[in-house]
Amino acid sequence: MLYTTYKMPTEGFSMSSIDRESHVIKAVPKELFIDGQWRSAQDDRTFPVADPATGETLCHVADASPRDAAVALDAAAKAQAAWAAHPPRRRSDILARAYEAMLERQDELALLMTLEMGKPLAESRGEIRYAADFLRWFSEEAVRVGGEYRLSPDGKTRFVTMRQPVGPTLVITPWNFPMAMGTRKLAPAIAAGCTTIVKPAPDTPLTMLALAAVLGEAGLPAGALNVLPTSRAADISGPLLRDGRIRKLSFTGSTAVGRHLIAQAGEQVLRVSMELGGNAPFIVFPDADLDAAVDGALLAKMRNIGEACTAANRFLIHADVLADFTDRLAVRMAGLSLGRGTEPGVTVGPLINPRAVTKVAELVDDAVRRGARVVTGNGPLEGPGNFFTPTVLTEVPLNARLVHEEIFGPIASVIPFSSDNDVVGIANDTEYGLVAYIYTRDLARAFDLSDRLEYGMVGVNTGLVSNAAAPFGGIKHSGIGREGGFEGIQEYLETKYVGIAT
């Protein structure tokens, strides 16, 4: 089936909750988006999209094949020259229109995201607003791509540098922030003049398809954006990366998959941006405002049900305030309300799938076997749905798996420390380096630790570092490059130097 236009509905939200859910699912496209058109997969295959709160199938989505990927790449490559030549102001206007459209439709888009991903509606609305901010930010950056002019040291040559689009880009987005990770990558690509092929996560393809519809309505020309939902990721990404016409890869996901993709990208010497795993320490000193620290801990740990690369993994608490902080955190965690994200009052939704529940349970069981004590939490809940109760562990030994592995669930592991040097050593003892959190009233200490902590981002007295205007990214095995901020668009631009003899 072929669709040439699609418009996300903005009416009809006075109906019952069940009817609203059905309305939103029916309205979103289920096809591939290639060269400005909605298309079925060439082999007519589809795959199911499940509601993680119930396990029920929401719908079936077209399952892209390698042949579909080849058509999408042809479209992106064909459109690249014209899109790169598109006036910056027009690219800016497209992003600005998409920004306004997302805000107008945030209730529908949030509901769609909650249905396929599980997070509570309030968090989904927050993500839609956060995602829209990338469209606005890079609409402003689109008209500010500059260059330089300077004189050679001997005075005989003029140097002119210019910034040009990298070229067709493969974007691979995760399931945990399906809209924000989409706009965080697509907005700078659009602003820079790069055409894109997007492979969304198979758990959450609907949000990306809705974003494609919004961008299409906003005036994005055919071929500039192509979306390939698929259950056959390796069959799609491998041939695209080997083709030679793709010139950049942007990926958000696990470090293990990132390593594999970097190796594949290396065959064609592609530009890569990698936002990979995290193992964030949350450090609380004796002089911290404990009320603020606990508030920040809830935000850093439980945002997105703990399924975030920025989630606090290890709570490193000074021995002087260990008991007080642990008691306060346990009370707050125990008071959270589990349930389907569409229900009123729910603050914790389901994990994304049964595999996620199994992994979190294994990490908790391992920690307990090694000596950790459960302060609050009752483990996984019996179905339907992929629910795991918010859990606080104390007396966690440093050899427990969850100290070294990304948890991606509602588990807070509390570990004591006694000195600044002690906590820096513990915090840096990981292959990851995405974000660290510090709570202290001592500004000198905050700056000292910010220098010494081996992380790409540090939050001081805040549990939230993500902002469209800031450069998001990590070091070590947490990634390469930055997304957002002034730096974000540079990831999609190459520098060309022209020497002019005079």
Protein backbone atom coordinates (compact mmCIF):
# COMPACT_ATOMS: atom_id res chain seq x y z
CA MET A 1 0.00 0.00 0.00
CA LEU A 2 1.34 3.42 -0.96
CA TYR A 3 0.70 6.69 0.86
CA THR A 4 1.87 9.99 -0.59
CA THR A 5 0.66 12.13 2.31
CA TYR A 6 -0.10 11.59 5.94
CA LYS A 7 -1.26 13.91 8.69
CA MET A 8 -1.20 13.06 12.38
CA PRO A 9 -4.67 13.79 13.79
CA THR A 10 -5.09 16.63 16.25
CA GLU A 11 -8.81 16.13 16.90
CA GLY A 12 -10.79 13.47 18.67
CA PHE A 13 -9.18 13.46 22.09
CA SER A 14 -12.41 13.86 24.03
CA MET A 15 -13.12 10.14 23.50
CA SER A 16 -12.61 7.39 26.06
CA SER A 17 -9.08 6.28 26.94
CA ILE A 18 -9.46 2.96 25.10
CA ASP A 19 -10.80 4.71 22.01
CA ARG A 20 -8.00 7.28 22.19
CA GLU A 21 -5.38 4.54 22.26
CA SER A 22 -6.96 2.79 19.30
CA HIS A 23 -7.28 6.09 17.45
CA VAL A 24 -3.59 6.92 17.86
CA ILE A 25 -2.39 3.46 16.86
CA LYS A 26 -4.61 3.40 13.78
CA ALA A 27 -3.55 6.88 12.71
CA VAL A 28 0.21 6.39 12.69
CA PRO A 29 1.71 4.95 9.47
CA LYS A 30 2.83 1.32 9.62
CA GLU A 31 4.81 1.35 6.37
CA LEU A 32 8.36 2.17 5.35
CA PHE A 33 9.03 5.82 4.50
CA ILE A 34 11.19 5.94 1.38
CA ASP A 35 11.71 8.83 -1.03
CA GLY A 36 8.78 10.76 0.44
CA GLN A 37 6.30 7.88 0.16
CA TRP A 38 4.82 5.29 2.50
CA ARG A 39 5.48 1.80 1.15
CA SER A 40 4.99 -1.80 2.17
CA ALA A 41 8.10 -3.94 2.46
CA GLN A 42 8.98 -5.49 -0.89
CA ASP A 43 8.54 -9.01 0.50
CA ASP A 44 5.35 -7.91 2.34
CA ARG A 45 6.78 -9.02 5.70
CA THR A 46 5.68 -7.32 8.91
CA PHE A 47 6.63 -7.63 12.58
CA PRO A 48 4.54 -7.05 15.72
CA VAL A 49 4.86 -4.10 18.10
CA ALA A 50 3.88 -5.00 21.66
CA ASP A 51 2.56 -3.01 24.61
CA PRO A 52 5.16 -3.76 27.33
CA ALA A 53 2.56 -3.18 30.05
CA THR A 54 0.27 -5.96 28.81
CA GLY A 55 2.27 -8.03 26.34
CA GLU A 56 -0.51 -7.56 23.81
CA THR A 57 0.26 -6.70 20.20
CA LEU A 58 -0.56 -3.09 19.34
CA CYS A 59 -0.15 -3.49 15.57
CA HIS A 60 2.14 -4.86 12.88
CA VAL A 61 4.70 -2.74 11.06
CA ALA A 62 6.37 -3.23 7.69
CA ASP A 63 9.61 -5.20 8.07
CA ALA A 64 12.26 -3.70 5.78
CA SER A 65 14.44 -6.05 3.75
CA PRO A 66 17.88 -5.50 2.22
CA ARG A 67 16.12 -4.70 -1.05
CA ASP A 68 14.17 -1.94 0.67
CA ALA A 69 17.39 -0.62 2.19
CA ALA A 70 18.95 -0.46 -1.27
CA VAL A 71 16.00 1.58 -2.56
CA ALA A 72 16.25 3.91 0.42
CA LEU A 73 19.97 4.39 -0.15
CA ASP A 74 19.36 5.16 -3.82
CA ALA A 75 16.85 7.81 -2.75
CA ALA A 76 19.15 9.35 -0.13
CA ALA A 77 22.14 9.41 -2.50
CA LYS A 78 20.08 10.89 -5.34
CA ALA A 79 18.67 13.63 -3.08
CA GLN A 80 21.98 14.56 -1.41
CA ALA A 81 23.29 17.17 -3.85
CA ALA A 82 20.01 19.08 -4.07
CA TRP A 83 19.45 18.90 -0.32
CA ALA A 84 22.98 20.14 0.40
CA ALA A 85 22.32 23.07 -1.94
CA HIS A 86 19.02 23.86 -0.23
CA PRO A 87 19.22 27.37 1.24
CA PRO A 88 19.99 27.24 4.98
CA ARG A 89 16.99 29.41 5.79
CA ARG A 90 14.65 26.93 4.12
CA ARG A 91 16.16 24.05 6.07
CA SER A 92 15.73 26.18 9.19
CA ASP A 93 12.09 26.87 8.36
CA ILE A 94 11.35 23.16 7.92
CA LEU A 95 12.73 22.42 11.38
CA ALA A 96 10.85 25.34 12.89
CA ARG A 97 7.56 24.14 11.41
CA ALA A 98 8.21 20.63 12.68
CA TYR A 99 8.93 22.06 16.15
CA GLU A 100 5.57 23.84 16.23
CA ALA A 101 3.75 20.76 14.96
CA MET A 102 5.27 18.53 17.64
CA LEU A 103 4.18 20.87 20.40
CA GLU A 104 0.67 21.08 18.96
CA ARG A 105 0.44 17.27 18.91
CA GLN A 106 2.34 16.47 22.07
CA ASP A 107 -0.60 14.70 23.72
CA GLU A 108 -1.07 12.29 20.81
CA LEU A 109 2.64 11.73 20.35
CA ALA A 110 3.12 11.16 24.08
CA LEU A 111 0.33 8.61 24.18
CA LEU A 112 1.79 6.79 21.18
CA MET A 113 5.19 6.64 22.89
CA THR A 114 3.75 5.38 26.16
CA LEU A 115 1.83 2.63 24.40
CA GLU A 116 4.88 1.18 22.64
CA MET A 117 7.59 2.00 25.19
CA GLY A 118 5.80 1.96 28.54
CA LYS A 119 6.94 5.12 30.33
CA PRO A 120 4.27 7.13 32.20
CA LEU A 121 2.42 9.74 30.16
CA ALA A 122 3.92 12.62 32.12
CA GLU A 123 7.41 11.46 31.17
CA SER A 124 6.38 10.93 27.56
CA ARG A 125 5.07 14.49 27.37
CA GLY A 126 8.35 15.69 28.80
CA GLU A 127 10.26 13.75 26.17
CA ILE A 128 8.16 15.22 23.36
CA ARG A 129 8.97 18.73 24.59
CA TYR A 130 12.65 17.82 24.99
CA ALA A 131 12.72 16.26 21.52
CA ALA A 132 11.06 19.32 20.01
CA ASP A 133 13.77 21.51 21.54
CA PHE A 134 16.34 19.86 19.24
CA LEU A 135 14.26 20.89 16.23
CA ARG A 136 14.16 24.46 17.47
CA TRP A 137 17.84 24.57 18.46
CA PHE A 138 19.11 23.26 15.15
CA SER A 139 16.68 25.39 13.17
CA GLU A 140 18.69 28.26 14.64
CA GLU A 141 22.04 26.57 13.95
CA ALA A 142 21.18 25.84 10.31
CA VAL A 143 21.77 29.47 9.33
CA ARG A 144 24.99 29.79 11.37
CA VAL A 145 27.21 27.25 9.63
CA GLY A 146 30.32 29.30 8.96
CA GLY A 147 33.91 29.14 7.80
CA GLU A 148 37.14 31.07 8.20
CA TYR A 149 39.46 33.36 6.29
CA ARG A 150 43.08 33.90 7.27
CA LEU A 151 46.47 34.79 5.84
CA SER A 152 49.34 32.31 5.60
CA PRO A 153 52.39 33.10 7.79
CA ASP A 154 54.45 34.13 4.76
CA GLY A 155 51.69 36.43 3.53
CA LYS A 156 51.55 34.79 0.08
CA THR A 157 48.39 32.68 0.41
CA ARG A 158 44.87 33.26 1.60
CA PHE A 159 43.31 30.35 3.48
CA VAL A 160 39.57 29.91 3.15
CA THR A 161 37.83 27.14 5.07
CA MET A 162 34.26 26.10 4.53
CA ARG A 163 31.92 23.60 6.17
CA GLN A 164 30.03 21.20 3.92
CA PRO A 165 27.60 18.35 4.64
CA VAL A 166 29.22 14.99 5.32
CA GLY A 167 26.70 13.32 3.02
CA PRO A 168 24.16 10.50 3.32
CA THR A 169 23.96 9.33 6.91
CA LEU A 170 22.74 6.13 8.53
CA VAL A 171 21.00 6.83 11.84
CA ILE A 172 20.25 3.98 14.27
CA THR A 173 18.04 4.97 17.19
CA PRO A 174 17.26 3.15 20.47
CA TRP A 175 13.95 2.19 22.02
CA ASN A 176 14.29 3.99 25.36
CA PHE A 177 13.95 7.58 24.08
CA PRO A 178 12.43 6.95 20.66
CA MET A 179 11.50 10.56 19.87
CA ALA A 180 14.33 12.47 21.56
CA MET A 181 17.06 10.27 20.10
CA GLY A 182 15.42 10.74 16.73
CA THR A 183 15.38 14.53 16.79
CA ARG A 184 18.79 14.73 18.48
CA LYS A 185 20.29 13.05 15.42
CA LEU A 186 17.97 14.13 12.61
CA ALA A 187 17.72 17.82 13.47
CA PRO A 188 21.47 18.52 13.05
CA ALA A 189 21.60 16.31 9.95
CA ILE A 190 18.75 18.28 8.39
CA ALA A 191 20.28 21.58 9.46
CA ALA A 192 23.66 20.62 7.95
CA GLY A 193 22.17 19.39 4.67
CA CYS A 194 22.69 15.63 5.05
CA THR A 195 20.16 13.12 3.76
CA THR A 196 19.41 10.28 6.16
CA ILE A 197 18.29 6.70 6.47
CA VAL A 198 16.89 5.89 9.91
CA LYS A 199 16.61 2.42 11.38
CA PRO A 200 14.48 2.70 14.54
CA ALA A 201 14.53 0.07 17.26
CA PRO A 202 12.03 -2.73 16.53
CA ASP A 203 10.50 -2.36 20.01
CA THR A 204 9.46 1.26 19.30
CA PRO A 205 9.16 2.00 15.57
CA LEU A 206 5.86 3.89 15.74
CA THR A 207 7.25 7.04 17.32
CA MET A 208 9.87 7.40 14.58
CA LEU A 209 7.26 6.82 11.88
CA ALA A 210 5.15 9.58 13.45
CA LEU A 211 8.22 11.87 13.45
CA ALA A 212 8.77 11.13 9.76
CA ALA A 213 5.18 12.15 9.12
CA VAL A 214 5.66 15.41 11.01
CA LEU A 215 8.85 16.25 9.11
CA GLY A 216 7.21 15.37 5.81
CA GLU A 217 4.33 17.71 6.53
CA ALA A 218 6.80 20.41 7.50
CA GLY A 219 8.21 20.36 3.96
CA LEU A 220 11.18 17.99 4.08
CA PRO A 221 11.74 17.01 0.44
CA ALA A 222 11.57 13.46 -0.87
CA GLY A 223 14.71 11.43 -0.20
CA ALA A 224 16.04 13.68 2.56
CA LEU A 225 14.63 11.30 5.18
CA ASN A 226 14.00 7.57 4.81
CA VAL A 227 12.77 5.37 7.66
CA LEU A 228 13.26 1.58 7.68
CA PRO A 229 11.65 -0.23 10.60
CA THR A 230 12.95 -3.79 10.59
CA SER A 231 13.40 -6.90 12.68
CA ARG A 232 16.47 -7.74 10.55
CA ALA A 233 18.89 -5.07 11.75
CA ALA A 234 22.15 -6.71 10.66
CA ASP A 235 20.72 -7.52 7.23
CA ILE A 236 19.95 -3.82 6.79
CA SER A 237 22.89 -2.05 8.39
CA GLY A 238 25.66 -4.27 7.03
CA PRO A 239 25.01 -3.70 3.32
CA LEU A 240 24.36 0.01 3.87
CA LEU A 241 27.67 0.50 5.67
CA ARG A 242 29.58 -1.46 3.04
CA ASP A 243 28.05 0.34 0.06
CA GLY A 244 30.31 3.39 0.09
CA ARG A 245 27.62 6.01 -0.51
CA ILE A 246 26.81 6.25 3.19
CA ARG A 247 29.39 8.66 4.62
CA LYS A 248 28.41 8.81 8.29
CA LEU A 249 26.95 6.55 10.96
CA SER A 250 25.20 7.83 14.08
CA PHE A 251 24.24 5.20 16.65
CA THR A 252 22.80 5.17 20.15
CA GLY A 253 22.74 1.85 21.95
CA SER A 254 24.86 -0.67 23.78
CA THR A 255 28.64 -0.56 23.80
CA ALA A 256 28.82 -4.13 22.47
CA VAL A 257 26.78 -3.28 19.38
CA GLY A 258 28.62 0.03 19.02
CA ARG A 259 31.98 -1.74 18.84
CA HIS A 260 30.67 -4.00 16.08
CA LEU A 261 29.29 -1.07 14.09
CA ILE A 262 32.52 0.91 14.45
CA ALA A 263 34.39 -2.03 12.98
CA GLN A 264 31.97 -2.22 10.05
CA ALA A 265 32.14 1.54 9.51
CA GLY A 266 35.91 1.34 9.45
CA GLU A 267 35.83 -0.64 6.19
CA GLN A 268 34.64 2.48 4.35
CA VAL A 269 36.35 4.93 6.76
CA LEU A 270 33.02 6.44 7.74
CA ARG A 271 32.54 9.34 10.13
CA VAL A 272 30.93 7.91 13.27
CA SER A 273 29.02 9.30 16.23
CA MET A 274 28.50 6.80 19.05
CA GLU A 275 26.41 7.33 22.16
CA LEU A 276 26.90 4.07 24.03
CA GLY A 277 26.49 2.60 27.50
CA GLY A 278 26.91 4.24 30.88
CA ASN A 279 27.69 3.38 34.49
CA ALA A 280 26.95 6.66 36.21
CA PRO A 281 28.15 7.28 39.78
CA PHE A 282 25.91 9.42 41.98
CA ILE A 283 28.17 10.90 44.66
CA VAL A 284 26.83 12.46 47.86
CA PHE A 285 29.14 14.28 50.31
CA PRO A 286 28.37 15.01 53.98
CA ASP A 287 27.81 18.73 53.29
CA ALA A 288 25.15 18.08 50.63
CA ASP A 289 21.54 19.13 51.01
CA LEU A 290 20.16 15.63 51.57
CA ASP A 291 16.61 16.53 50.58
CA ALA A 292 17.90 17.88 47.25
CA ALA A 293 20.20 14.87 46.88
CA VAL A 294 17.35 12.41 47.30
CA ASP A 295 15.22 14.37 44.84
CA GLY A 296 18.11 14.30 42.38
CA ALA A 297 18.66 10.59 43.02
CA LEU A 298 15.05 9.80 42.11
CA LEU A 299 15.39 11.82 38.93
CA ALA A 300 18.76 10.35 37.95
CA LYS A 301 17.72 6.78 38.77
CA MET A 302 14.05 6.53 37.91
CA ARG A 303 13.74 8.73 34.84
CA ASN A 304 12.52 6.46 32.08
CA ILE A 305 12.08 3.56 34.57
CA GLY A 306 15.85 3.46 34.98
CA GLU A 307 16.21 2.52 31.31
CA ALA A 308 18.60 5.30 30.38
CA CYS A 309 22.31 5.44 29.64
CA THR A 310 22.45 8.44 31.98
CA ALA A 311 20.73 6.58 34.83
CA ALA A 312 22.57 6.59 38.16
CA ASN A 313 24.00 3.10 38.46
CA ARG A 314 26.11 3.36 41.62
CA PHE A 315 25.12 5.53 44.58
CA LEU A 316 28.42 6.41 46.25
CA ILE A 317 27.44 7.88 49.60
CA HIS A 318 29.83 9.23 52.25
CA ALA A 319 29.83 7.08 55.36
CA ASP A 320 28.69 10.02 57.54
CA VAL A 321 25.35 10.29 55.71
CA LEU A 322 25.03 6.73 54.40
CA ALA A 323 22.27 5.54 56.72
CA ASP A 324 20.24 8.75 56.48
CA PHE A 325 20.44 8.91 52.69
CA THR A 326 19.65 5.20 52.26
CA ASP A 327 16.59 5.40 54.52
CA ARG A 328 15.24 8.46 52.69
CA LEU A 329 15.85 6.95 49.27
CA ALA A 330 14.22 3.66 50.25
CA VAL A 331 11.08 5.43 51.49
CA ARG A 332 10.80 7.39 48.25
CA MET A 333 11.44 4.34 46.05
CA ALA A 334 8.91 2.25 47.96
CA GLY A 335 6.31 4.97 47.49
CA LEU A 336 6.47 4.90 43.69
CA SER A 337 3.41 3.57 41.88
CA LEU A 338 3.82 0.79 39.31
CA GLY A 339 1.40 0.36 36.47
CA ARG A 340 0.54 0.92 32.86
CA GLY A 341 1.88 4.31 31.85
CA THR A 342 -1.51 5.49 30.61
CA GLU A 343 -3.14 5.12 34.03
CA PRO A 344 -3.52 8.14 36.37
CA GLY A 345 -1.03 8.32 39.23
CA VAL A 346 1.41 5.79 37.77
CA THR A 347 5.04 6.87 38.22
CA VAL A 348 6.85 3.69 37.13
CA GLY A 349 5.94 1.79 34.00
CA PRO A 350 7.07 -1.59 32.71
CA LEU A 351 10.49 -2.52 31.40
CA ILE A 352 10.67 -2.79 27.63
CA ASN A 353 10.45 -6.58 27.26
CA PRO A 354 10.76 -9.85 29.20
CA ARG A 355 14.51 -10.07 28.48
CA ALA A 356 15.01 -6.79 30.33
CA VAL A 357 13.18 -8.15 33.39
CA THR A 358 15.31 -11.30 33.37
CA LYS A 359 18.54 -9.31 33.16
CA VAL A 360 17.63 -6.97 36.04
CA ALA A 361 16.56 -9.91 38.20
CA GLU A 362 19.87 -11.67 37.52
CA LEU A 363 21.85 -8.58 38.52
CA VAL A 364 19.95 -8.24 41.79
CA ASP A 365 20.27 -11.95 42.59
CA ASP A 366 24.02 -11.80 41.91
CA ALA A 367 24.47 -8.82 44.24
CA VAL A 368 22.50 -10.51 47.03
CA ARG A 369 24.50 -13.73 46.68
CA ARG A 370 27.65 -11.66 47.10
CA GLY A 371 26.39 -10.01 50.30
CA ALA A 372 24.15 -7.10 49.33
CA ARG A 373 21.03 -6.47 51.40
CA VAL A 374 17.63 -5.55 49.95
CA VAL A 375 16.22 -2.51 51.76
CA THR A 376 13.10 -2.27 49.61
CA GLY A 377 11.84 -4.07 46.53
CA ASN A 378 10.06 -7.32 45.72
CA GLY A 379 11.65 -8.26 42.42
CA PRO A 380 9.70 -8.88 39.21
CA LEU A 381 5.92 -8.98 39.27
CA GLU A 382 3.97 -11.81 37.72
CA GLY A 383 2.44 -10.92 34.35
CA PRO A 384 0.89 -9.56 32.38
CA GLY A 385 3.50 -6.93 31.61
CA ASN A 386 7.21 -6.51 32.22
CA PHE A 387 7.18 -4.98 35.69
CA PHE A 388 9.99 -4.89 38.25
CA THR A 389 9.54 -3.24 41.62
CA PRO A 390 11.80 -0.27 42.47
CA THR A 391 14.62 -1.68 44.59
CA VAL A 392 17.28 -0.28 46.92
CA LEU A 393 20.29 -2.42 47.78
CA THR A 394 22.83 -1.58 50.44
CA GLU A 395 26.09 -3.22 51.53
CA VAL A 396 26.73 -3.80 47.83
CA PRO A 397 30.18 -5.34 47.27
CA LEU A 398 32.39 -3.87 44.58
CA ASN A 399 32.64 -7.21 42.80
CA ALA A 400 28.89 -7.41 42.18
CA ARG A 401 27.93 -7.45 38.49
CA LEU A 402 25.62 -4.45 38.80
CA VAL A 403 28.55 -2.32 39.96
CA HIS A 404 30.25 -2.90 36.61
CA GLU A 405 27.38 -3.53 34.20
CA GLU A 406 24.67 -1.17 33.00
CA ILE A 407 21.54 -2.01 35.00
CA PHE A 408 18.84 -0.44 32.80
CA GLY A 409 16.18 -0.92 35.45
CA PRO A 410 14.79 0.53 38.71
CA ILE A 411 17.64 -0.65 40.95
CA ALA A 412 19.65 1.65 43.23
CA SER A 413 22.86 0.11 44.58
CA VAL A 414 24.30 2.01 47.56
CA ILE A 415 28.05 1.91 48.24
CA PRO A 416 29.88 3.82 51.01
CA PHE A 417 33.05 5.89 50.66
CA SER A 418 35.21 7.78 53.14
CA SER A 419 37.30 10.35 51.22
CA ASP A 420 37.49 12.33 47.98
CA ASN A 421 40.32 10.18 46.66
CA ASP A 422 38.43 7.04 47.63
CA VAL A 423 35.30 8.02 45.73
CA VAL A 424 37.17 9.18 42.63
CA GLY A 425 38.88 5.80 42.46
CA ILE A 426 35.60 3.91 42.77
CA ALA A 427 33.78 6.18 40.32
CA ASN A 428 36.47 5.87 37.64
CA ASP A 429 36.81 2.10 38.00
CA THR A 430 34.72 1.33 34.93
CA GLU A 431 35.09 1.10 31.18
CA TYR A 432 32.29 3.63 30.83
CA GLY A 433 32.53 7.41 30.98
CA LEU A 434 29.21 9.03 30.10
CA VAL A 435 27.97 11.03 33.10
CA ALA A 436 28.65 11.45 36.81
CA TYR A 437 26.58 13.26 39.44
CA ILE A 438 27.96 15.15 42.47
CA TYR A 439 26.06 16.59 45.42
CA THR A 440 28.04 19.01 47.60
CA ARG A 441 27.83 22.61 48.78
CA ASP A 442 31.61 22.99 48.42
CA LEU A 443 32.25 24.69 45.07
CA ALA A 444 36.00 24.01 45.17
CA ARG A 445 35.33 20.32 45.70
CA ALA A 446 32.80 20.30 42.88
CA PHE A 447 35.34 21.75 40.44
CA ASP A 448 38.11 19.47 41.68
CA LEU A 449 36.01 16.33 41.19
CA SER A 450 34.69 17.55 37.84
CA ASP A 451 38.31 17.70 36.68
CA ARG A 452 39.23 14.29 38.07
CA LEU A 453 36.16 12.25 37.14
CA GLU A 454 36.64 10.46 33.80
CA TYR A 455 33.25 11.33 32.30
CA GLY A 456 32.06 13.38 29.37
CA MET A 457 29.40 15.10 31.50
CA VAL A 458 29.14 15.98 35.18
CA GLY A 459 25.98 17.12 36.93
CA VAL A 460 26.62 19.17 40.07
CA ASN A 461 23.63 19.30 42.44
CA THR A 462 21.33 18.14 39.66
CA GLY A 463 20.09 14.75 38.58
CA LEU A 464 19.43 15.81 34.98
CA VAL A 465 22.12 16.88 32.51
CA SER A 466 20.30 16.50 29.18
CA ASN A 467 19.60 19.75 27.34
CA ALA A 468 19.33 20.50 23.63
CA ALA A 469 21.73 23.44 24.04
CA ALA A 470 24.46 21.35 25.71
CA PRO A 471 26.93 18.89 24.14
CA PHE A 472 25.78 15.39 25.16
CA GLY A 473 28.28 12.53 24.99
CA GLY A 474 30.83 10.41 26.80
CA ILE A 475 34.43 9.23 26.78
CA LYS A 476 36.11 5.82 27.05
CA HIS A 477 33.65 3.08 26.04
CA SER A 478 30.66 5.39 26.36
CA GLY A 479 31.07 6.85 22.92
CA ILE A 480 32.55 9.14 20.31
CA GLY A 481 31.36 12.63 19.43
CA ARG A 482 28.73 14.96 20.83
CA GLU A 483 25.02 15.53 20.22
CA GLY A 484 23.28 18.82 20.92
CA GLY A 485 24.80 22.21 21.64
CA PHE A 486 26.96 24.14 19.20
CA GLU A 487 29.00 20.98 18.77
CA GLY A 488 26.12 18.84 17.53
CA ILE A 489 25.94 20.16 13.98
CA GLN A 490 29.72 19.83 13.53
CA GLU A 491 29.30 16.04 13.60
CA TYR A 492 27.50 16.34 10.23
CA LEU A 493 29.93 18.76 8.57
CA GLU A 494 33.28 18.30 6.86
CA THR A 495 35.91 21.05 6.67
CA LYS A 496 37.24 21.99 3.23
CA TYR A 497 40.28 24.22 2.87
CA VAL A 498 40.91 26.36 -0.20
CA GLY A 499 44.33 27.95 -0.64
CA ILE A 500 44.42 31.06 -2.85
CA ALA A 501 47.81 32.29 -4.01
CA THR A 502 48.11 36.05 -4.19
